[in-house]
Amino acid sequence: MFYFCYTKLIILFVLLGRFVCVYVTIFVTDINDNAPRFTKTSYYLDCPELAEVGLKVTQVSATDPDEGSNGNEAGIFAINTSTGALTLAKPLDYELCQNHEMIVSATDGGWVARTGYCSVTVNVIDVNDNSPIFSPEDYFPNVLENAPSGTTVIRLNATDADSGPNAMIAYAVQSSDSDLFVIDPNTGIITTQGFLDYETKQSYHLTVKAFNVPDEERCSFASVNIQLEGTNEYVPRFVSKLYYFEVSEAASKGMVVGEVFASDRDMGTDGEVHYLIFGSSRKKGFQINEKSGQIYVSGPLDREKEERISLKVLAKNFGSIRGADVDEVIVNITVLDANDPPDFSLQVYNIQISEGVPPGTHVTFVSAFDSDSVPSWSRQMSPCRSMLEKRDFTKAVPFVKYATSSCPILDKHVGKVSLCPNFLTII
């Protein structure tokens, strides 16, 4: 369809001396010689990032001086082609994009289409739609016992994807099984306060909260498990300063004589006690179990040589000896007498006797010494038949034979040897 305008003219002229009047109507036909024009060349808009999809952001308008259906606008942001209403086609996210720049065109419907343009800039306004997040969510720091108050234990880290004031984070201890730890609300640094004793408590648990300052409901939590590390602050101490034990001199190697005990108030490996015998005590026939403190026989014992033995036992922690970090004790061991066999003054007695001497004739004296000290133990002597049976008198004395039914008479109390009847027979 064409739109036009017209104008009417009256033309007067003389023809052969006569005046002629002509009426002329001129019709002007419109052509598409104008592009659509927006009322604004640029639009700058603010829109919150949580605006609902379908929200009308703005409305752009364009005019076309040309007549007819030469204006059919189209856009890229979700624009109504008839009204120019700009709406959201999908949710906005400030953390992904802070502003959107678009070019909106309006095109008319002429035979030779003409297009007009305007720019639309939508600035996304940040809202507090993100909670602080701990990374990681679980912490396992260690701290030495006896650390001075104010010692830094660990620094927690929480981040917020929002910006500006919406990203401000504060920290607080939500729950704790002790008041020995505090957290800086601004930095998230946990420090000690008070005295930490490993022997009293070895571990602590805290739940820390990170939240936005303007909106405390936007928050998250972290678990902090603090492990206390013990220090070797105590020295092993014997429960007694003097020990008394007894052992028989006939005790076999490895026999336990007694046990010493020292305690250490430290925990773990720092509280382990190790025992040792030191000095000249190591050469007196005894050793000690390094871990249990049991003293046992390691060599022969002789009461007659040493009746009372003193050992120096030391208790220490693992590793090398450091200064006065040890304790020592004296262990007195009494060696009890055992029934040792008597010893003859001579192992072999060589005597001579004449033949024909009457029975009861004194031959010789034998002597033995008993080092035992118990009065109830006494010594007696008697001939050993097995030895006599083994001695070949026929070879030692050619004219003598041994009668197995007779033997020398031995006084068991004084060691006097005499002949019994028929002991010697002359051939």
Protein backbone atom coordinates (compact mmCIF):
# COMPACT_ATOMS: atom_id res chain seq x y z
CA MET A 1 0.00 0.00 0.00
CA PHE A 2 1.31 3.41 -0.96
CA TYR A 3 0.74 6.62 0.85
CA PHE A 4 0.86 9.91 -1.05
CA CYS A 5 0.01 13.57 -0.84
CA TYR A 6 -1.02 16.00 -3.59
CA THR A 7 -1.15 19.68 -4.47
CA LYS A 8 -3.53 21.55 -6.80
CA LEU A 9 -2.41 24.27 -9.19
CA ILE A 10 -4.43 26.72 -11.38
CA ILE A 11 -2.54 27.71 -14.46
CA LEU A 12 -3.74 30.76 -16.48
CA PHE A 13 -2.34 31.44 -19.93
CA VAL A 14 -3.39 33.43 -23.16
CA LEU A 15 -4.07 31.49 -26.27
CA LEU A 16 -4.85 33.50 -29.49
CA GLY A 17 -5.92 36.45 -27.50
CA ARG A 18 -8.05 34.37 -25.27
CA PHE A 19 -7.41 33.59 -21.54
CA VAL A 20 -7.31 29.87 -20.76
CA CYS A 21 -7.44 28.51 -17.17
CA VAL A 22 -6.07 24.97 -16.45
CA TYR A 23 -6.46 23.11 -13.15
CA VAL A 24 -3.50 20.80 -12.29
CA THR A 25 -3.36 18.29 -9.37
CA ILE A 26 0.09 16.87 -8.48
CA PHE A 27 0.24 13.68 -6.43
CA VAL A 28 3.48 13.04 -4.34
CA THR A 29 4.17 9.34 -3.71
CA ASP A 30 6.14 8.32 -0.56
CA ILE A 31 9.30 6.23 -0.91
CA ASN A 32 11.31 4.46 1.91
CA ASP A 33 14.02 7.03 2.26
CA ASN A 34 14.19 7.13 6.11
CA ALA A 35 15.58 4.53 8.51
CA PRO A 36 13.88 3.88 11.83
CA ARG A 37 15.22 6.05 14.64
CA PHE A 38 15.31 5.08 18.31
CA THR A 39 14.36 7.68 20.82
CA LYS A 40 17.76 7.04 22.44
CA THR A 41 20.92 5.98 20.80
CA SER A 42 22.15 4.23 23.96
CA TYR A 43 20.41 2.65 26.94
CA TYR A 44 22.20 2.01 30.24
CA LEU A 45 20.30 -0.19 32.65
CA ASP A 46 20.89 -1.80 36.05
CA CYS A 47 19.38 -5.18 36.84
CA PRO A 48 19.82 -7.35 39.96
CA GLU A 49 21.36 -10.75 39.29
CA LEU A 50 18.49 -12.56 40.97
CA ALA A 51 15.82 -10.95 38.80
CA GLU A 52 13.22 -13.42 37.66
CA VAL A 53 13.19 -14.67 34.12
CA GLY A 54 10.62 -12.72 32.13
CA LEU A 55 11.18 -9.49 34.07
CA LYS A 56 10.79 -6.42 31.84
CA VAL A 57 14.14 -4.71 31.91
CA THR A 58 13.21 -1.71 29.75
CA GLN A 59 11.41 -0.76 26.63
CA VAL A 60 13.07 0.63 23.58
CA SER A 61 11.13 2.57 20.96
CA ALA A 62 11.92 3.58 17.43
CA THR A 63 10.10 5.82 14.97
CA ASP A 64 10.15 5.85 11.22
CA PRO A 65 9.23 9.06 9.37
CA ASP A 66 8.17 6.92 6.47
CA GLU A 67 4.56 6.00 6.22
CA GLY A 68 3.18 2.51 6.27
CA SER A 69 4.50 -0.75 7.67
CA ASN A 70 8.18 0.06 7.53
CA GLY A 71 8.91 -0.61 11.35
CA ASN A 72 9.35 -4.26 12.58
CA GLU A 73 12.00 -4.25 15.36
CA ALA A 74 13.98 -7.36 16.45
CA GLY A 75 16.44 -7.75 19.34
CA ILE A 76 18.83 -10.18 20.97
CA PHE A 77 17.96 -9.94 24.65
CA ALA A 78 14.35 -11.17 24.41
CA ILE A 79 12.63 -8.17 22.90
CA ASN A 80 9.03 -7.84 21.94
CA THR A 81 9.05 -6.98 18.26
CA SER A 82 5.87 -5.03 18.58
CA THR A 83 6.34 -3.11 21.82
CA GLY A 84 10.12 -3.06 22.13
CA ALA A 85 9.90 -4.46 25.68
CA LEU A 86 13.26 -5.93 26.66
CA THR A 87 12.89 -8.88 29.01
CA LEU A 88 15.15 -11.51 30.59
CA ALA A 89 15.44 -14.74 28.68
CA LYS A 90 17.54 -16.51 31.35
CA PRO A 91 18.80 -15.83 34.87
CA LEU A 92 21.61 -13.37 35.41
CA ASP A 93 24.72 -14.27 37.40
CA TYR A 94 27.01 -11.50 38.55
CA GLU A 95 29.80 -13.96 39.23
CA LEU A 96 29.77 -15.04 35.58
CA CYS A 97 29.23 -11.71 33.87
CA GLN A 98 28.91 -8.26 35.38
CA ASN A 99 27.45 -6.49 32.35
CA HIS A 100 25.78 -7.34 29.06
CA GLU A 101 26.14 -5.13 25.98
CA MET A 102 23.68 -5.53 23.17
CA ILE A 103 22.85 -3.87 19.87
CA VAL A 104 19.14 -3.57 19.20
CA SER A 105 18.04 -3.02 15.63
CA ALA A 106 14.77 -1.78 14.26
CA THR A 107 14.03 -2.56 10.61
CA ASP A 108 11.13 -1.22 8.63
CA GLY A 109 9.20 -3.14 6.05
CA GLY A 110 9.76 -0.98 2.99
CA TRP A 111 10.63 -2.24 -0.44
CA VAL A 112 14.14 -1.12 0.29
CA ALA A 113 14.38 -1.98 3.99
CA ARG A 114 16.12 0.45 6.26
CA THR A 115 17.44 -0.33 9.73
CA GLY A 116 18.15 1.77 12.78
CA TYR A 117 20.33 0.75 15.74
CA CYS A 118 20.81 1.53 19.41
CA SER A 119 23.05 0.07 22.09
CA VAL A 120 21.69 -1.39 25.29
CA THR A 121 24.03 -2.00 28.23
CA VAL A 122 22.64 -3.96 31.18
CA ASN A 123 24.78 -3.77 34.33
CA VAL A 124 24.19 -6.72 36.65
CA ILE A 125 23.91 -5.64 40.27
CA ASP A 126 25.50 -8.10 42.71
CA VAL A 127 23.33 -9.49 45.48
CA ASN A 128 24.39 -11.67 48.41
CA ASP A 129 23.48 -15.01 46.88
CA ASN A 130 26.62 -16.99 47.82
CA SER A 131 27.71 -18.33 51.19
CA PRO A 132 31.35 -18.40 52.27
CA ILE A 133 33.03 -21.71 51.50
CA PHE A 134 35.90 -23.29 53.47
CA SER A 135 38.65 -24.94 51.51
CA PRO A 136 39.26 -27.48 52.92
CA GLU A 137 36.41 -28.18 55.30
CA ASP A 138 38.54 -30.24 57.73
CA TYR A 139 41.78 -29.12 59.36
CA PHE A 140 44.25 -31.19 61.38
CA PRO A 141 46.90 -28.89 62.88
CA ASN A 142 49.48 -29.84 65.52
CA VAL A 143 50.72 -27.68 68.37
CA LEU A 144 53.34 -28.29 71.03
CA GLU A 145 52.31 -28.54 74.63
CA ASN A 146 53.46 -25.67 76.84
CA ALA A 147 53.30 -23.35 73.81
CA PRO A 148 53.06 -19.75 75.04
CA SER A 149 49.69 -18.07 74.95
CA GLY A 150 49.10 -16.42 71.58
CA THR A 151 50.89 -19.10 69.56
CA THR A 152 49.43 -19.43 66.07
CA VAL A 153 47.89 -22.85 65.50
CA ILE A 154 46.50 -22.49 61.97
CA ARG A 155 44.89 -20.01 59.61
CA LEU A 156 41.54 -20.99 58.16
CA ASN A 157 40.57 -19.89 54.67
CA ALA A 158 37.05 -19.23 53.44
CA THR A 159 36.10 -17.53 50.18
CA ASP A 160 32.91 -15.88 48.95
CA ALA A 161 32.03 -15.65 45.26
CA ASP A 162 30.12 -12.42 45.83
CA SER A 163 31.83 -9.05 45.56
CA GLY A 164 32.12 -5.89 47.55
CA PRO A 165 30.38 -5.81 50.92
CA ASN A 166 28.60 -9.05 50.08
CA ALA A 167 31.95 -10.85 50.10
CA MET A 168 33.04 -9.69 53.55
CA ILE A 169 33.68 -12.73 55.77
CA ALA A 170 33.86 -12.98 59.54
CA TYR A 171 34.92 -16.00 61.61
CA ALA A 172 33.69 -17.30 64.95
CA VAL A 173 34.10 -20.44 67.07
CA GLN A 174 30.71 -22.10 66.89
CA SER A 175 31.50 -24.87 69.39
CA SER A 176 34.57 -26.18 71.20
CA ASP A 177 35.48 -28.69 73.87
CA SER A 178 37.92 -26.22 75.40
CA ASP A 179 38.38 -22.50 75.90
CA LEU A 180 42.12 -22.74 75.24
CA PHE A 181 41.78 -21.59 71.62
CA VAL A 182 40.43 -18.39 70.06
CA ILE A 183 39.99 -17.21 66.48
CA ASP A 184 40.52 -13.78 64.99
CA PRO A 185 37.15 -12.80 63.43
CA ASN A 186 38.83 -10.95 60.57
CA THR A 187 41.76 -13.18 59.60
CA GLY A 188 40.58 -16.65 60.63
CA ILE A 189 43.82 -17.27 62.58
CA ILE A 190 43.40 -19.64 65.53
CA THR A 191 45.75 -18.99 68.46
CA THR A 192 46.27 -20.50 71.89
CA GLN A 193 45.27 -18.98 75.16
CA GLY A 194 46.20 -20.57 78.46
CA PHE A 195 48.32 -23.59 79.37
CA LEU A 196 48.36 -26.69 77.18
CA ASP A 197 49.31 -29.94 78.93
CA TYR A 198 49.72 -33.09 76.87
CA GLU A 199 49.38 -35.31 79.95
CA THR A 200 45.95 -33.78 80.67
CA LYS A 201 44.46 -33.77 77.15
CA GLN A 202 45.97 -34.78 73.83
CA SER A 203 43.43 -33.52 71.29
CA TYR A 204 40.85 -30.77 70.89
CA HIS A 205 37.94 -30.24 68.49
CA LEU A 206 36.54 -26.92 67.30
CA THR A 207 33.72 -26.08 64.91
CA VAL A 208 34.38 -22.74 63.20
CA LYS A 209 31.74 -20.67 61.43
CA ALA A 210 32.41 -18.36 58.48
CA PHE A 211 29.61 -15.95 57.67
CA ASN A 212 28.84 -12.80 55.72
CA VAL A 213 28.83 -9.65 57.76
CA PRO A 214 25.63 -8.20 56.26
CA ASP A 215 23.79 -11.52 56.32
CA GLU A 216 24.87 -13.98 58.99
CA GLU A 217 22.54 -16.64 57.64
CA ARG A 218 24.88 -16.98 54.68
CA CYS A 219 27.45 -19.19 56.41
CA SER A 220 29.40 -22.43 56.34
CA PHE A 221 31.31 -24.50 58.89
CA ALA A 222 34.73 -26.12 59.20
CA SER A 223 35.95 -28.82 61.54
CA VAL A 224 39.28 -28.17 63.27
CA ASN A 225 40.94 -31.14 65.00
CA ILE A 226 43.96 -29.96 66.98
CA GLN A 227 46.48 -32.60 68.03
CA LEU A 228 48.77 -31.74 70.93
CA GLU A 229 52.39 -32.84 70.61
CA GLY A 230 54.02 -33.85 73.86
CA THR A 231 57.45 -32.66 74.91
CA ASN A 232 59.83 -34.56 77.14
CA GLU A 233 59.29 -32.39 80.18
CA TYR A 234 59.53 -35.03 82.92
CA VAL A 235 62.40 -37.24 84.08
CA PRO A 236 61.99 -40.93 85.00
CA ARG A 237 61.85 -41.43 88.78
CA PHE A 238 62.34 -44.66 90.70
CA VAL A 239 59.51 -45.46 93.10
CA SER A 240 62.12 -46.54 95.67
CA LYS A 241 65.62 -45.24 96.26
CA LEU A 242 66.95 -48.58 97.52
CA TYR A 243 66.18 -52.16 96.56
CA TYR A 244 67.09 -55.41 98.40
CA PHE A 245 67.06 -58.81 96.74
CA GLU A 246 68.40 -62.28 97.60
CA VAL A 247 69.62 -65.03 95.33
CA SER A 248 71.27 -68.38 95.84
CA GLU A 249 74.81 -68.73 94.68
CA ALA A 250 73.64 -71.84 92.85
CA ALA A 251 71.13 -69.85 90.77
CA SER A 252 71.23 -70.70 87.10
CA LYS A 253 71.97 -68.21 84.35
CA GLY A 254 68.89 -66.22 83.36
CA MET A 255 67.14 -66.58 86.73
CA VAL A 256 65.27 -63.38 87.69
CA VAL A 257 66.44 -61.91 90.98
CA GLY A 258 64.04 -58.97 91.26
CA GLU A 259 62.58 -56.00 89.45
CA VAL A 260 63.05 -52.25 89.73
CA PHE A 261 60.49 -49.72 88.53
CA ALA A 262 60.66 -46.08 87.51
CA SER A 263 57.75 -43.95 86.29
CA ASP A 264 57.67 -41.04 83.87
CA ARG A 265 54.76 -38.60 83.76
CA ASP A 266 55.25 -37.97 80.05
CA MET A 267 52.99 -39.68 77.53
CA GLY A 268 53.86 -41.70 74.46
CA THR A 269 57.48 -42.40 73.62
CA ASP A 270 58.62 -39.58 75.90
CA GLY A 271 57.17 -41.55 78.81
CA GLU A 272 58.95 -44.81 77.99
CA VAL A 273 61.58 -45.76 80.56
CA HIS A 274 64.76 -47.64 79.71
CA TYR A 275 66.94 -49.30 82.36
CA LEU A 276 70.63 -50.10 82.40
CA ILE A 277 73.33 -51.20 84.83
CA PHE A 278 76.32 -48.91 84.59
CA GLY A 279 79.84 -48.61 85.89
CA SER A 280 81.65 -51.53 87.50
CA SER A 281 78.27 -53.05 88.37
CA ARG A 282 78.14 -54.51 84.87
CA LYS A 283 80.87 -57.02 85.80
CA LYS A 284 79.22 -58.57 88.86
CA GLY A 285 77.22 -61.34 87.25
CA PHE A 286 73.93 -59.55 86.71
CA GLN A 287 72.13 -57.90 83.81
CA ILE A 288 68.88 -55.96 83.53
CA ASN A 289 66.06 -56.09 81.01
CA GLU A 290 66.13 -52.68 79.34
CA LYS A 291 62.35 -52.36 79.16
CA SER A 292 60.93 -54.32 82.10
CA GLY A 293 63.56 -53.53 84.74
CA GLN A 294 63.97 -57.20 85.69
CA ILE A 295 67.41 -58.05 87.06
CA TYR A 296 68.63 -61.55 86.23
CA VAL A 297 71.72 -63.71 86.72
CA SER A 298 74.16 -63.54 83.84
CA GLY A 299 77.23 -65.28 85.30
CA PRO A 300 78.46 -67.57 88.10
CA LEU A 301 77.97 -66.44 91.70
CA ASP A 302 80.20 -67.34 94.64
CA ARG A 303 79.08 -66.36 98.10
CA GLU A 304 82.46 -67.18 99.52
CA LYS A 305 84.03 -64.54 97.29
CA GLU A 306 81.35 -61.84 97.49
CA GLU A 307 78.35 -62.17 99.76
CA ARG A 308 76.77 -58.74 99.16
CA ILE A 309 76.70 -57.14 95.75
CA SER A 310 75.67 -53.54 95.05
CA LEU A 311 74.48 -52.57 91.59
CA LYS A 312 73.94 -49.08 90.21
CA VAL A 313 70.85 -49.01 88.01
CA LEU A 314 69.96 -46.03 85.85
CA ALA A 315 66.54 -45.08 84.40
CA LYS A 316 66.41 -42.86 81.35
CA ASN A 317 64.29 -42.01 78.33
CA PHE A 318 64.98 -43.30 74.86
CA GLY A 319 68.10 -42.04 73.18
CA SER A 320 71.32 -40.64 74.53
CA ILE A 321 71.63 -39.39 78.08
CA ARG A 322 71.02 -35.65 78.26
CA GLY A 323 72.34 -33.90 81.33
CA ALA A 324 70.34 -34.68 84.45
CA ASP A 325 67.41 -36.27 82.60
CA VAL A 326 68.04 -39.57 84.39
CA ASP A 327 67.51 -41.18 87.78
CA GLU A 328 69.60 -43.84 89.49
CA VAL A 329 69.11 -46.29 92.31
CA ILE A 330 71.22 -48.71 94.36
CA VAL A 331 70.27 -52.39 94.26
CA ASN A 332 71.74 -54.53 97.05
CA ILE A 333 71.77 -58.26 96.34
CA THR A 334 72.62 -60.80 99.04
CA VAL A 335 74.09 -64.04 97.72
CA LEU A 336 72.76 -66.96 99.78
CA ASP A 337 74.98 -69.92 100.61
CA ALA A 338 74.49 -73.18 98.73
CA ASN A 339 75.82 -76.66 99.75
CA ASP A 340 79.07 -76.67 97.81
CA PRO A 341 81.01 -79.99 97.83
CA PRO A 342 84.08 -80.12 100.10
CA ASP A 343 87.51 -79.92 98.53
CA PHE A 344 90.28 -82.38 99.48
CA SER A 345 93.64 -80.90 100.27
CA LEU A 346 95.11 -83.38 97.75
CA GLN A 347 93.46 -85.00 94.82
CA VAL A 348 95.76 -88.08 95.03
CA TYR A 349 97.35 -89.63 98.18
CA ASN A 350 100.38 -91.89 97.63
CA ILE A 351 101.22 -94.00 100.71
CA GLN A 352 103.35 -97.05 101.46
CA ILE A 353 102.47 -99.84 103.92
CA SER A 354 104.35 -102.92 104.99
CA GLU A 355 102.85 -106.29 104.52
CA GLY A 356 101.77 -108.23 107.55
CA VAL A 357 100.71 -105.28 109.59
CA PRO A 358 97.78 -106.14 111.86
CA PRO A 359 94.27 -104.91 111.16
CA GLY A 360 93.48 -101.49 112.55
CA THR A 361 96.93 -100.23 111.74
CA HIS A 362 96.89 -96.51 110.93
CA VAL A 363 97.66 -95.94 107.28
CA THR A 364 97.31 -92.15 106.73
CA PHE A 365 95.10 -89.10 107.26
CA VAL A 366 93.07 -87.42 104.47
CA SER A 367 91.74 -83.88 104.86
CA ALA A 368 88.96 -81.91 103.11
CA PHE A 369 87.81 -78.31 103.42
CA ASP A 370 84.18 -77.12 103.16
CA SER A 371 83.70 -73.40 102.52
CA ASP A 372 79.96 -73.50 103.30
CA SER A 373 78.92 -71.44 106.28
CA VAL A 374 75.59 -72.95 107.30
CA PRO A 375 76.16 -74.73 110.66
CA SER A 376 73.71 -77.51 109.84
CA TRP A 377 75.86 -78.50 106.91
CA SER A 378 78.77 -80.68 108.02
CA ARG A 379 81.14 -82.87 106.16
CA GLN A 380 81.68 -86.60 106.49
CA MET A 381 84.06 -88.83 104.59
CA SER A 382 83.66 -92.40 103.40
CA PRO A 383 85.58 -94.58 100.98
CA CYS A 384 84.27 -94.62 97.49
CA ARG A 385 83.74 -98.27 96.56
CA SER A 386 83.47 -97.51 92.91
CA MET A 387 86.92 -96.01 92.97
CA LEU A 388 88.33 -98.96 94.86
CA GLU A 389 86.77 -101.38 92.48
CA LYS A 390 88.33 -99.59 89.59
CA ARG A 391 91.84 -99.53 91.05
CA ASP A 392 93.88 -102.52 89.90
CA PHE A 393 96.00 -103.42 92.90
CA THR A 394 97.38 -106.55 91.19
CA LYS A 395 99.17 -104.36 88.74
CA ALA A 396 100.40 -101.83 91.26
CA VAL A 397 101.64 -104.48 93.76
CA PRO A 398 102.51 -107.84 92.15
CA PHE A 399 102.06 -109.93 95.28
CA VAL A 400 98.83 -108.35 96.48
CA LYS A 401 95.31 -109.16 95.48
CA TYR A 402 92.19 -107.09 96.32
CA ALA A 403 89.40 -108.73 98.24
CA THR A 404 86.16 -107.13 97.26
CA SER A 405 84.56 -108.23 100.51
CA SER A 406 86.92 -106.11 102.56
CA CYS A 407 87.99 -102.46 102.46
CA PRO A 408 89.99 -99.96 104.44
CA ILE A 409 88.32 -98.47 107.47
CA LEU A 410 87.79 -94.68 107.26
CA ASP A 411 86.96 -92.56 110.26
CA LYS A 412 84.36 -90.27 108.68
CA HIS A 413 84.90 -87.53 111.24
CA VAL A 414 88.68 -87.18 111.35
CA GLY A 415 89.76 -88.72 108.04
CA LYS A 416 91.84 -91.54 109.63
CA VAL A 417 92.39 -94.51 107.34
CA SER A 418 93.00 -97.95 108.96
CA LEU A 419 93.15 -101.52 107.68
CA CYS A 420 90.24 -103.87 108.12
CA PRO A 421 90.68 -107.65 108.50
CA ASN A 422 91.70 -109.67 105.45
CA PHE A 423 92.22 -106.51 103.39
CA LEU A 424 95.75 -107.59 102.43
CA THR A 425 96.53 -111.21 101.69
CA ILE A 426 100.05 -112.52 101.17
CA ILE A 427 100.37 -114.97 98.36
